[in-house]
C-alpha atoms as a PDB file:
ATOM      1  CA  MET A   1      -0.012  -0.307  -0.224  1.00  0.00           C
ATOM      2  CA  LYS A   2       1.375   3.447  -1.033  1.00  0.00           C
ATOM      3  CA  ILE A   3       1.311   5.927   1.997  1.00  0.00           C
ATOM      4  CA  GLY A   4       0.619   9.596   1.554  1.00  0.00           C
ATOM      5  CA  ILE A   5       0.184  12.815   3.604  1.00  0.00           C
ATOM      6  CA  ILE A   6      -2.381  15.561   3.025  1.00  0.00           C
ATOM      7  CA  PRO A   7      -2.265  18.537   3.020  1.00  0.00           C
ATOM      8  CA  VAL A   8       1.376  20.015   3.149  1.00  0.00           C
ATOM      9  CA  ASN A   9      -0.187  23.663   2.371  1.00  0.00           C
ATOM     10  CA  VAL A  10      -2.721  24.451   4.924  1.00  0.00           C
ATOM     11  CA  GLY A  11      -1.825  25.951   8.321  1.00  0.00           C
ATOM     12  CA  VAL A  12       1.928  26.270   7.779  1.00  0.00           C
ATOM     13  CA  ASN A  13       3.378  29.036   9.374  1.00  0.00           C
ATOM     14  CA  SER A  14       6.612  29.409   7.194  1.00  0.00           C
ATOM     15  CA  VAL A  15       8.284  27.631   4.394  1.00  0.00           C
ATOM     16  CA  GLU A  16      10.151  25.718   6.671  1.00  0.00           C
ATOM     17  CA  ASN A  17       7.176  23.929   7.958  1.00  0.00           C
ATOM     18  CA  ILE A  18       6.631  22.873   4.279  1.00  0.00           C
ATOM     19  CA  VAL A  19      10.344  21.889   3.667  1.00  0.00           C
ATOM     20  CA  GLY A  20      10.647  20.239   7.045  1.00  0.00           C
ATOM     21  CA  LEU A  21       7.679  18.045   6.621  1.00  0.00           C
ATOM     22  CA  ALA A  22       8.487  17.016   3.309  1.00  0.00           C
ATOM     23  CA  ARG A  23      12.024  16.022   3.667  1.00  0.00           C
ATOM     24  CA  LYS A  24      11.024  14.068   6.654  1.00  0.00           C
ATOM     25  CA  ALA A  25       8.576  12.616   4.829  1.00  0.00           C
ATOM     26  CA  GLU A  26      10.806  11.257   1.854  1.00  0.00           C
ATOM     27  CA  GLN A  27      13.299  10.344   4.381  1.00  0.00           C
ATOM     28  CA  VAL A  28      11.016   7.797   5.950  1.00  0.00           C
ATOM     29  CA  GLY A  29       9.480   6.380   2.782  1.00  0.00           C
ATOM     30  CA  VAL A  30       6.478   8.367   2.527  1.00  0.00           C
ATOM     31  CA  GLU A  31       5.303   7.943  -1.424  1.00  0.00           C
ATOM     32  CA  SER A  32       3.476  10.960  -1.908  1.00  0.00           C
ATOM     33  CA  LEU A  33       2.532  14.514  -0.406  1.00  0.00           C
ATOM     34  CA  TRP A  34      -0.819  16.176  -1.362  1.00  0.00           C
ATOM     35  CA  THR A  35      -2.363  19.590  -1.190  1.00  0.00           C
ATOM     36  CA  PHE A  36      -6.131  21.033  -0.850  1.00  0.00           C
ATOM     37  CA  GLU A  37      -7.185  23.911  -2.718  1.00  0.00           C
ATOM     38  CA  HIS A  38      -9.117  27.069  -1.919  1.00  0.00           C
ATOM     39  CA  VAL A  39      -8.400  30.423  -3.225  1.00  0.00           C
ATOM     40  CA  LEU A  40     -10.672  32.056  -0.189  1.00  0.00           C
ATOM     41  CA  VAL A  41     -12.382  30.573   2.800  1.00  0.00           C
ATOM     42  CA  PRO A  42     -15.462  32.818   3.394  1.00  0.00           C
ATOM     43  CA  GLU A  43     -16.375  34.379   6.656  1.00  0.00           C
ATOM     44  CA  THR A  44     -19.677  32.861   6.259  1.00  0.00           C
ATOM     45  CA  TYR A  45     -21.080  30.676   3.290  1.00  0.00           C
ATOM     46  CA  GLU A  46     -24.328  29.201   2.494  1.00  0.00           C
ATOM     47  CA  SER A  47     -22.847  26.434   0.064  1.00  0.00           C
ATOM     48  CA  ARG A  48     -22.836  23.179   1.922  1.00  0.00           C
ATOM     49  CA  TYR A  49     -19.528  21.434   2.200  1.00  0.00           C
ATOM     50  CA  PRO A  50     -20.290  17.752   0.989  1.00  0.00           C
ATOM     51  CA  TYR A  51     -17.878  15.748   3.101  1.00  0.00           C
ATOM     52  CA  SER A  52     -18.793  16.824   6.732  1.00  0.00           C
ATOM     53  CA  PRO A  53     -21.943  16.438   8.690  1.00  0.00           C
ATOM     54  CA  SER A  54     -21.871  19.959   9.895  1.00  0.00           C
ATOM     55  CA  GLY A  55     -21.683  21.138   6.044  1.00  0.00           C
ATOM     56  CA  LYS A  56     -18.708  23.338   7.116  1.00  0.00           C
ATOM     57  CA  MET A  57     -14.797  22.946   6.178  1.00  0.00           C
ATOM     58  CA  GLY A  58     -12.778  22.610   8.985  1.00  0.00           C
ATOM     59  CA  THR A  59     -10.570  25.622   7.691  1.00  0.00           C
ATOM     60  CA  THR A  60     -10.852  28.953   8.926  1.00  0.00           C
ATOM     61  CA  PRO A  61     -10.581  32.222   6.921  1.00  0.00           C
ATOM     62  CA  ASP A  62      -7.342  33.413   8.556  1.00  0.00           C
ATOM     63  CA  THR A  63      -5.744  29.939   8.291  1.00  0.00           C
ATOM     64  CA  ASN A  64      -2.720  29.974   5.933  1.00  0.00           C
ATOM     65  CA  PHE A  65      -3.886  28.405   2.568  1.00  0.00           C
ATOM     66  CA  VAL A  66      -0.747  28.246   0.372  1.00  0.00           C
ATOM     67  CA  ASP A  67      -1.543  27.742  -3.519  1.00  0.00           C
ATOM     68  CA  PRO A  68      -1.180  23.876  -3.906  1.00  0.00           C
ATOM     69  CA  LEU A  69       1.126  24.605  -7.169  1.00  0.00           C
ATOM     70  CA  ILE A  70       3.292  26.966  -5.301  1.00  0.00           C
ATOM     71  CA  ALA A  71       3.802  24.892  -2.145  1.00  0.00           C
ATOM     72  CA  LEU A  72       4.482  21.667  -4.345  1.00  0.00           C
ATOM     73  CA  SER A  73       7.038  23.709  -6.340  1.00  0.00           C
ATOM     74  CA  VAL A  74       8.705  24.452  -2.996  1.00  0.00           C
ATOM     75  CA  VAL A  75       8.526  20.506  -1.965  1.00  0.00           C
ATOM     76  CA  ALA A  76       9.938  19.395  -5.521  1.00  0.00           C
ATOM     77  CA  ALA A  77      13.066  21.814  -5.125  1.00  0.00           C
ATOM     78  CA  HIS A  78      13.931  20.255  -2.009  1.00  0.00           C
ATOM     79  CA  THR A  79      13.187  16.562  -2.311  1.00  0.00           C
ATOM     80  CA  GLU A  80      14.394  14.152  -4.942  1.00  0.00           C
ATOM     81  CA  ARG A  81      11.678  11.195  -4.816  1.00  0.00           C
ATOM     82  CA  VAL A  82       8.526  11.734  -3.208  1.00  0.00           C
ATOM     83  CA  ARG A  83       5.543  12.303  -5.424  1.00  0.00           C
ATOM     84  CA  LEU A  84       3.561  15.474  -5.440  1.00  0.00           C
ATOM     85  CA  GLY A  85      -0.358  15.738  -5.875  1.00  0.00           C
ATOM     86  CA  THR A  86      -3.208  17.983  -5.626  1.00  0.00           C
ATOM     87  CA  GLY A  87      -6.058  16.405  -3.955  1.00  0.00           C
ATOM     88  CA  VAL A  88      -8.043  18.444  -5.625  1.00  0.00           C
ATOM     89  CA  ASN A  89      -7.747  21.545  -7.399  1.00  0.00           C
ATOM     90  CA  ILE A  90     -11.061  23.020  -8.524  1.00  0.00           C
ATOM     91  CA  LEU A  91     -10.806  23.358 -12.525  1.00  0.00           C
ATOM     92  CA  PRO A  92     -14.040  25.150 -13.504  1.00  0.00           C
ATOM     93  CA  GLN A  93     -13.169  28.185 -11.651  1.00  0.00           C
ATOM     94  CA  VAL A  94      -9.922  28.832 -13.372  1.00  0.00           C
ATOM     95  CA  ASN A  95      -8.568  29.178 -16.709  1.00  0.00           C
ATOM     96  CA  PRO A  96      -7.499  25.844 -18.258  1.00  0.00           C
ATOM     97  CA  LEU A  97      -4.781  27.170 -20.454  1.00  0.00           C
ATOM     98  CA  LEU A  98      -3.036  28.734 -17.628  1.00  0.00           C
ATOM     99  CA  LEU A  99      -3.590  25.576 -15.307  1.00  0.00           C
ATOM    100  CA  ALA A 100      -2.305  23.192 -18.133  1.00  0.00           C
ATOM    101  CA  LYS A 101       0.919  25.250 -18.341  1.00  0.00           C
ATOM    102  CA  GLN A 102       1.514  25.261 -14.684  1.00  0.00           C
ATOM    103  CA  ALA A 103       0.785  21.504 -14.472  1.00  0.00           C
ATOM    104  CA  ALA A 104       3.158  20.765 -17.354  1.00  0.00           C
ATOM    105  CA  SER A 105       5.531  23.185 -15.810  1.00  0.00           C
ATOM    106  CA  LEU A 106       5.641  21.377 -12.308  1.00  0.00           C
ATOM    107  CA  ASP A 107       5.664  18.006 -14.113  1.00  0.00           C
ATOM    108  CA  PHE A 108       8.920  19.291 -15.904  1.00  0.00           C
ATOM    109  CA  VAL A 109      10.578  20.955 -12.607  1.00  0.00           C
ATOM    110  CA  SER A 110       9.734  17.974 -10.466  1.00  0.00           C
ATOM    111  CA  ASN A 111      11.116  15.291 -12.787  1.00  0.00           C
ATOM    112  CA  GLY A 112       7.664  13.696 -13.461  1.00  0.00           C
ATOM    113  CA  ARG A 113       6.761  13.053 -10.108  1.00  0.00           C
ATOM    114  CA  PHE A 114       3.654  15.365 -10.382  1.00  0.00           C
ATOM    115  CA  MET A 115      -0.087  13.920 -10.415  1.00  0.00           C
ATOM    116  CA  LEU A 116      -2.674  16.631 -11.143  1.00  0.00           C
ATOM    117  CA  GLY A 117      -6.029  16.267  -8.958  1.00  0.00           C
ATOM    118  CA  LEU A 118      -9.086  17.779 -10.202  1.00  0.00           C
ATOM    119  CA  GLY A 119     -12.757  18.239  -8.829  1.00  0.00           C
ATOM    120  CA  ILE A 120     -15.688  20.372 -10.066  1.00  0.00           C
ATOM    121  CA  GLY A 121     -15.856  22.312  -6.674  1.00  0.00           C
ATOM    122  CA  TRP A 122     -18.870  23.154  -4.405  1.00  0.00           C
ATOM    123  CA  LEU A 123     -18.378  26.581  -2.852  1.00  0.00           C
ATOM    124  CA  ARG A 124     -20.440  29.075  -4.771  1.00  0.00           C
ATOM    125  CA  GLU A 125     -19.121  31.811  -3.066  1.00  0.00           C
ATOM    126  CA  GLU A 126     -15.546  31.269  -4.071  1.00  0.00           C
ATOM    127  CA  PHE A 127     -16.571  31.019  -7.875  1.00  0.00           C
ATOM    128  CA  ASP A 128     -18.452  34.261  -7.169  1.00  0.00           C
ATOM    129  CA  ALA A 129     -15.385  35.807  -5.916  1.00  0.00           C
ATOM    130  CA  MET A 130     -13.304  34.267  -8.984  1.00  0.00           C
ATOM    131  CA  GLY A 131     -15.840  35.899 -11.296  1.00  0.00           C
ATOM    132  CA  VAL A 132     -16.767  32.629 -12.660  1.00  0.00           C
ATOM    133  CA  SER A 133     -20.208  31.280 -12.973  1.00  0.00           C
ATOM    134  CA  PHE A 134     -21.074  28.244 -10.500  1.00  0.00           C
ATOM    135  CA  GLU A 135     -23.856  26.850 -13.085  1.00  0.00           C
ATOM    136  CA  ARG A 136     -22.543  24.339 -15.638  1.00  0.00           C
ATOM    137  CA  ARG A 137     -19.395  23.807 -13.944  1.00  0.00           C
ATOM    138  CA  GLY A 138     -19.611  20.221 -14.719  1.00  0.00           C
ATOM    139  CA  ALA A 139     -19.710  20.876 -18.530  1.00  0.00           C
ATOM    140  CA  ARG A 140     -16.725  23.242 -18.228  1.00  0.00           C
ATOM    141  CA  PHE A 141     -14.825  20.685 -16.456  1.00  0.00           C
ATOM    142  CA  ASP A 142     -15.498  18.096 -19.228  1.00  0.00           C
ATOM    143  CA  ASP A 143     -14.262  20.456 -21.719  1.00  0.00           C
ATOM    144  CA  TYR A 144     -11.676  21.866 -20.202  1.00  0.00           C
ATOM    145  CA  ILE A 145      -9.745  18.654 -19.456  1.00  0.00           C
ATOM    146  CA  GLN A 146     -10.293  17.278 -23.109  1.00  0.00           C
ATOM    147  CA  ALA A 147      -8.548  20.743 -24.019  1.00  0.00           C
ATOM    148  CA  MET A 148      -5.960  20.353 -21.444  1.00  0.00           C
ATOM    149  CA  ARG A 149      -5.153  16.728 -22.764  1.00  0.00           C
ATOM    150  CA  LYS A 150      -4.681  18.211 -26.529  1.00  0.00           C
ATOM    151  CA  LEU A 151      -2.405  20.736 -25.285  1.00  0.00           C
ATOM    152  CA  TRP A 152      -0.094  18.331 -23.449  1.00  0.00           C
ATOM    153  CA  GLY A 153       0.324  16.379 -26.685  1.00  0.00           C
ATOM    154  CA  GLY A 154       2.838  18.569 -28.038  1.00  0.00           C
ATOM    155  CA  ALA A 155       1.456  19.120 -31.706  1.00  0.00           C
ATOM    156  CA  GLU A 156      -0.256  22.064 -33.061  1.00  0.00           C
ATOM    157  CA  PHE A 157      -3.851  21.799 -32.039  1.00  0.00           C
ATOM    158  CA  SER A 158      -6.968  23.383 -31.997  1.00  0.00           C
ATOM    159  CA  HIS A 159     -10.063  23.313 -29.900  1.00  0.00           C
ATOM    160  CA  GLN A 160     -13.060  25.353 -30.167  1.00  0.00           C
ATOM    161  CA  SER A 161     -16.378  24.251 -28.054  1.00  0.00           C
ATOM    162  CA  GLU A 162     -18.926  26.710 -26.346  1.00  0.00           C
ATOM    163  CA  PHE A 163     -16.335  27.754 -23.573  1.00  0.00           C
ATOM    164  CA  LEU A 164     -13.224  27.590 -25.210  1.00  0.00           C
ATOM    165  CA  ASN A 165     -11.434  28.901 -28.586  1.00  0.00           C
ATOM    166  CA  TRP A 166      -8.179  27.490 -28.862  1.00  0.00           C
ATOM    167  CA  GLN A 167      -6.519  27.307 -32.419  1.00  0.00           C
ATOM    168  CA  GLY A 168      -3.243  26.981 -33.934  1.00  0.00           C
ATOM    169  CA  PHE A 169      -0.837  26.995 -31.103  1.00  0.00           C
ATOM    170  CA  LYS A 170       1.544  24.527 -29.224  1.00  0.00           C
ATOM    171  CA  SER A 171       2.688  25.287 -25.657  1.00  0.00           C
ATOM    172  CA  TYR A 172       5.881  23.480 -24.028  1.00  0.00           C
ATOM    173  CA  PRO A 173       7.268  22.131 -22.002  1.00  0.00           C
ATOM    174  CA  ILE A 174       5.109  18.792 -22.827  1.00  0.00           C
ATOM    175  CA  PRO A 175       4.418  16.619 -19.549  1.00  0.00           C
ATOM    176  CA  THR A 176       6.221  13.343 -19.634  1.00  0.00           C
ATOM    177  CA  ASN A 177       4.266  11.572 -16.806  1.00  0.00           C
ATOM    178  CA  LEU A 178       1.313  13.499 -15.803  1.00  0.00           C
ATOM    179  CA  PRO A 179      -1.446  11.646 -14.474  1.00  0.00           C
ATOM    180  CA  VAL A 180      -4.938  12.932 -13.838  1.00  0.00           C
ATOM    181  CA  VAL A 181      -6.560  12.023 -10.808  1.00  0.00           C
ATOM    182  CA  ILE A 182     -10.347  12.764 -10.463  1.00  0.00           C
ATOM    183  CA  GLY A 183     -11.825  13.353  -7.213  1.00  0.00           C
ATOM    184  CA  GLY A 184     -15.497  13.578  -5.790  1.00  0.00           C
ATOM    185  CA  SER A 185     -18.455  11.430  -4.927  1.00  0.00           C
ATOM    186  CA  LYS A 186     -21.383  13.107  -6.156  1.00  0.00           C
ATOM    187  CA  GLY A 187     -23.088  13.462  -9.354  1.00  0.00           C
ATOM    188  CA  LYS A 188     -20.838  12.407 -12.606  1.00  0.00           C
ATOM    189  CA  ALA A 189     -17.671  12.032 -10.376  1.00  0.00           C
ATOM    190  CA  PHE A 190     -17.552   8.459 -11.163  1.00  0.00           C
ATOM    191  CA  GLN A 191     -18.213   8.724 -14.827  1.00  0.00           C
ATOM    192  CA  ARG A 192     -15.508  11.391 -15.284  1.00  0.00           C
ATOM    193  CA  ALA A 193     -13.034   9.232 -13.375  1.00  0.00           C
ATOM    194  CA  ALA A 194     -13.744   6.433 -15.818  1.00  0.00           C
ATOM    195  CA  ARG A 195     -13.945   8.569 -18.923  1.00  0.00           C
ATOM    196  CA  TYR A 196     -10.808  11.181 -18.259  1.00  0.00           C
ATOM    197  CA  GLY A 197      -8.838  10.006 -15.328  1.00  0.00           C
ATOM    198  CA  ASP A 198      -5.818   7.952 -14.554  1.00  0.00           C
ATOM    199  CA  GLY A 199      -6.787   7.899 -11.011  1.00  0.00           C
ATOM    200  CA  TYR A 200      -9.672   8.606  -8.531  1.00  0.00           C
ATOM    201  CA  PHE A 201      -9.418  10.369  -5.440  1.00  0.00           C
ATOM    202  CA  ALA A 202     -12.144   9.387  -3.086  1.00  0.00           C
ATOM    203  CA  PRO A 203     -12.721  12.145  -0.388  1.00  0.00           C
ATOM    204  CA  GLY A 204     -13.889   9.677   2.622  1.00  0.00           C
ATOM    205  CA  ALA A 205     -12.228   7.465   4.914  1.00  0.00           C
ATOM    206  CA  GLY A 206     -13.061   3.850   6.210  1.00  0.00           C
ATOM    207  CA  VAL A 207     -13.733   0.668   4.466  1.00  0.00           C
ATOM    208  CA  ASP A 208     -17.326   0.594   4.847  1.00  0.00           C
ATOM    209  CA  GLN A 209     -17.881   4.234   3.319  1.00  0.00           C
ATOM    210  CA  LEU A 210     -15.607   3.857   0.692  1.00  0.00           C
ATOM    211  CA  LYS A 211     -16.642   0.180  -0.549  1.00  0.00           C
ATOM    212  CA  PRO A 212     -19.900   1.713  -2.277  1.00  0.00           C
ATOM    213  CA  LEU A 213     -18.077   4.506  -3.833  1.00  0.00           C
ATOM    214  CA  LEU A 214     -15.528   2.324  -5.718  1.00  0.00           C
ATOM    215  CA  GLY A 215     -18.374  -0.110  -6.600  1.00  0.00           C
ATOM    216  CA  GLN A 216     -19.973   3.086  -8.627  1.00  0.00           C
ATOM    217  CA  LEU A 217     -16.305   3.567  -9.920  1.00  0.00           C
ATOM    218  CA  ALA A 218     -16.327   0.184 -11.402  1.00  0.00           C
ATOM    219  CA  ASP A 219     -19.639   0.028 -12.790  1.00  0.00           C
ATOM    220  CA  ALA A 220     -18.844   3.522 -14.557  1.00  0.00           C
ATOM    221  CA  CYS A 221     -15.674   2.193 -15.697  1.00  0.00           C
ATOM    222  CA  ARG A 222     -17.459  -0.889 -17.333  1.00  0.00           C
ATOM    223  CA  GLU A 223     -19.874   1.764 -18.999  1.00  0.00           C
ATOM    224  CA  GLU A 224     -16.915   3.423 -20.460  1.00  0.00           C
ATOM    225  CA  GLY A 225     -15.194   0.239 -21.784  1.00  0.00           C
ATOM    226  CA  ARG A 226     -12.324   0.421 -19.253  1.00  0.00           C
ATOM    227  CA  ASP A 227     -11.083  -1.890 -16.816  1.00  0.00           C
ATOM    228  CA  PRO A 228     -11.403  -0.655 -13.280  1.00  0.00           C
ATOM    229  CA  ASP A 229      -7.922  -1.690 -12.300  1.00  0.00           C
ATOM    230  CA  GLU A 230      -6.460   1.028 -14.645  1.00  0.00           C
ATOM    231  CA  ILE A 231      -7.774   3.676 -12.424  1.00  0.00           C
ATOM    232  CA  GLU A 232      -5.447   4.205  -9.577  1.00  0.00           C
ATOM    233  CA  VAL A 233      -7.458   4.639  -6.309  1.00  0.00           C
ATOM    234  CA  THR A 234      -6.509   7.216  -3.262  1.00  0.00           C
ATOM    235  CA  ALA A 235      -8.283   7.289  -0.231  1.00  0.00           C
ATOM    236  CA  MET A 236      -7.847   8.972   3.241  1.00  0.00           C
ATOM    237  CA  TRP A 237      -6.748   6.884   6.196  1.00  0.00           C
ATOM    238  CA  MET A 238      -6.456   8.029   9.792  1.00  0.00           C
ATOM    239  CA  GLY A 239      -3.109   6.551   9.958  1.00  0.00           C
ATOM    240  CA  LEU A 240      -2.110   4.793  13.393  1.00  0.00           C
ATOM    241  CA  ALA A 241      -5.169   6.008  14.993  1.00  0.00           C
ATOM    242  CA  GLU A 242      -6.955   3.814  12.690  1.00  0.00           C
ATOM    243  CA  GLY A 243      -4.600   0.940  13.086  1.00  0.00           C
ATOM    244  CA  VAL A 244      -2.176  -1.069  10.841  1.00  0.00           C
ATOM    245  CA  ASP A 245      -4.599  -3.885  10.912  1.00  0.00           C
ATOM    246  CA  SER A 246      -6.929  -1.847   8.524  1.00  0.00           C
ATOM    247  CA  LEU A 247      -4.467  -1.874   5.729  1.00  0.00           C
ATOM    248  CA  PRO A 248      -5.746  -5.261   4.622  1.00  0.00           C
ATOM    249  CA  GLY A 249      -9.330  -4.289   4.163  1.00  0.00           C
ATOM    250  CA  TYR A 250      -8.613  -1.063   1.977  1.00  0.00           C
ATOM    251  CA  ALA A 251      -6.322  -3.122  -0.258  1.00  0.00           C
ATOM    252  CA  ASP A 252      -9.194  -6.115  -0.661  1.00  0.00           C
ATOM    253  CA  ILE A 253     -11.583  -3.176  -2.016  1.00  0.00           C
ATOM    254  CA  GLY A 254      -8.920  -1.918  -4.539  1.00  0.00           C
ATOM    255  CA  VAL A 255      -7.378   0.968  -2.785  1.00  0.00           C
ATOM    256  CA  ASP A 256      -4.050   1.664  -4.181  1.00  0.00           C
ATOM    257  CA  ARG A 257      -2.837   4.627  -1.853  1.00  0.00           C
ATOM    258  CA  LEU A 258      -3.658   5.780   1.516  1.00  0.00           C
ATOM    259  CA  VAL A 259      -3.253   9.608   2.447  1.00  0.00           C
ATOM    260  CA  ILE A 260      -3.184  10.518   6.052  1.00  0.00           C
ATOM    261  CA  PRO A 261      -4.386  13.856   7.146  1.00  0.00           C
ATOM    262  CA  VAL A 262      -1.691  16.079   8.593  1.00  0.00           C
ATOM    263  CA  PRO A 263      -3.814  16.330  11.948  1.00  0.00           C
ATOM    264  CA  ALA A 264      -3.974  12.719  12.540  1.00  0.00           C
ATOM    265  CA  LEU A 265      -0.201  12.565  12.932  1.00  0.00           C
ATOM    266  CA  GLY A 266      -0.652  14.451  16.230  1.00  0.00           C
ATOM    267  CA  GLY A 267       0.854  17.535  17.760  1.00  0.00           C
ATOM    268  CA  ASN A 268       4.299  17.332  16.352  1.00  0.00           C
ATOM    269  CA  PRO A 269       3.952  15.606  12.522  1.00  0.00           C
ATOM    270  CA  VAL A 270       7.405  15.661  11.783  1.00  0.00           C
ATOM    271  CA  GLU A 271       8.355  13.498  14.942  1.00  0.00           C
ATOM    272  CA  ALA A 272       5.212  11.415  13.997  1.00  0.00           C
ATOM    273  CA  LEU A 273       6.665  10.519  10.870  1.00  0.00           C
ATOM    274  CA  ASP A 274       9.406   8.436  12.367  1.00  0.00           C
ATOM    275  CA  LYS A 275       6.790   6.277  13.934  1.00  0.00           C
ATOM    276  CA  LEU A 276       5.011   5.962  10.757  1.00  0.00           C
ATOM    277  CA  GLY A 277       7.834   4.967   8.881  1.00  0.00           C
ATOM    278  CA  SER A 278       8.939   2.466  11.257  1.00  0.00           C
ATOM    279  CA  GLU A 279       5.626   0.833  12.302  1.00  0.00           C
ATOM    280  CA  VAL A 280       4.111   0.984   8.852  1.00  0.00           C
ATOM    281  CA  ILE A 281       5.858   1.858   5.704  1.00  0.00           C
ATOM    282  CA  ALA A 282       8.822  -0.385   6.828  1.00  0.00           C
ATOM    283  CA  LYS A 283       6.741  -3.243   7.375  1.00  0.00           C
ATOM    284  CA  GLN A 284       5.182  -3.442   3.968  1.00  0.00           C
END
């Protein structure tokens, strides 16, 4: 089982926090480091956060929320092996040409260690602040990811649609290894993962909660003519608090990678990584 940490960009007080955690994680054998994304956290919002019974994020407006791609660029510069992932960036609220360029550049500077996690978003107030319509964000997501894959192909291309008018240009560098990981558990998330994804990021924890989600993913893959085993599955795990004995259960339902929330590591995450390395990673 691959073991990752999430997020490395939220609640940090200095760049040393990011670098120290990243270096220690790589030292003990952590496979990947992940970020969350919100450009802002409103003081109040009516949108319902879909992954908490309260409908609210755990992050407050005055928490440091470093841009994911900038944080991962810092990690890339101070590590050699650990993989980097966004879990997930909100595609429909940004310019897809710029994001495609940034993602290809991060793939380049990290020597192919980057995984681009994408979702459709849920926070209407953030879309409003970005000047982007919240409506039809799913349709924009589908269009944007198809256009981005064309751009990453390297050849001169065109993409004309309801949302975009790209014609007759190239964009370099070309990614050498840039998996797209689709996140979400509502609406057409499973269809999008099956249609466009190299991976699926499940925003939940626990075998009982994940099993029906992965069943829906498998059904979507069959409808798209894909083998479900082609989709690398990443899910949340509460680490040693949940227990090493839980790992086989995740593997049995098809999870390939478990990412541990930084708060689950305890008060001193860097020190806790030694225990994670010796009691979990080294024994696999």
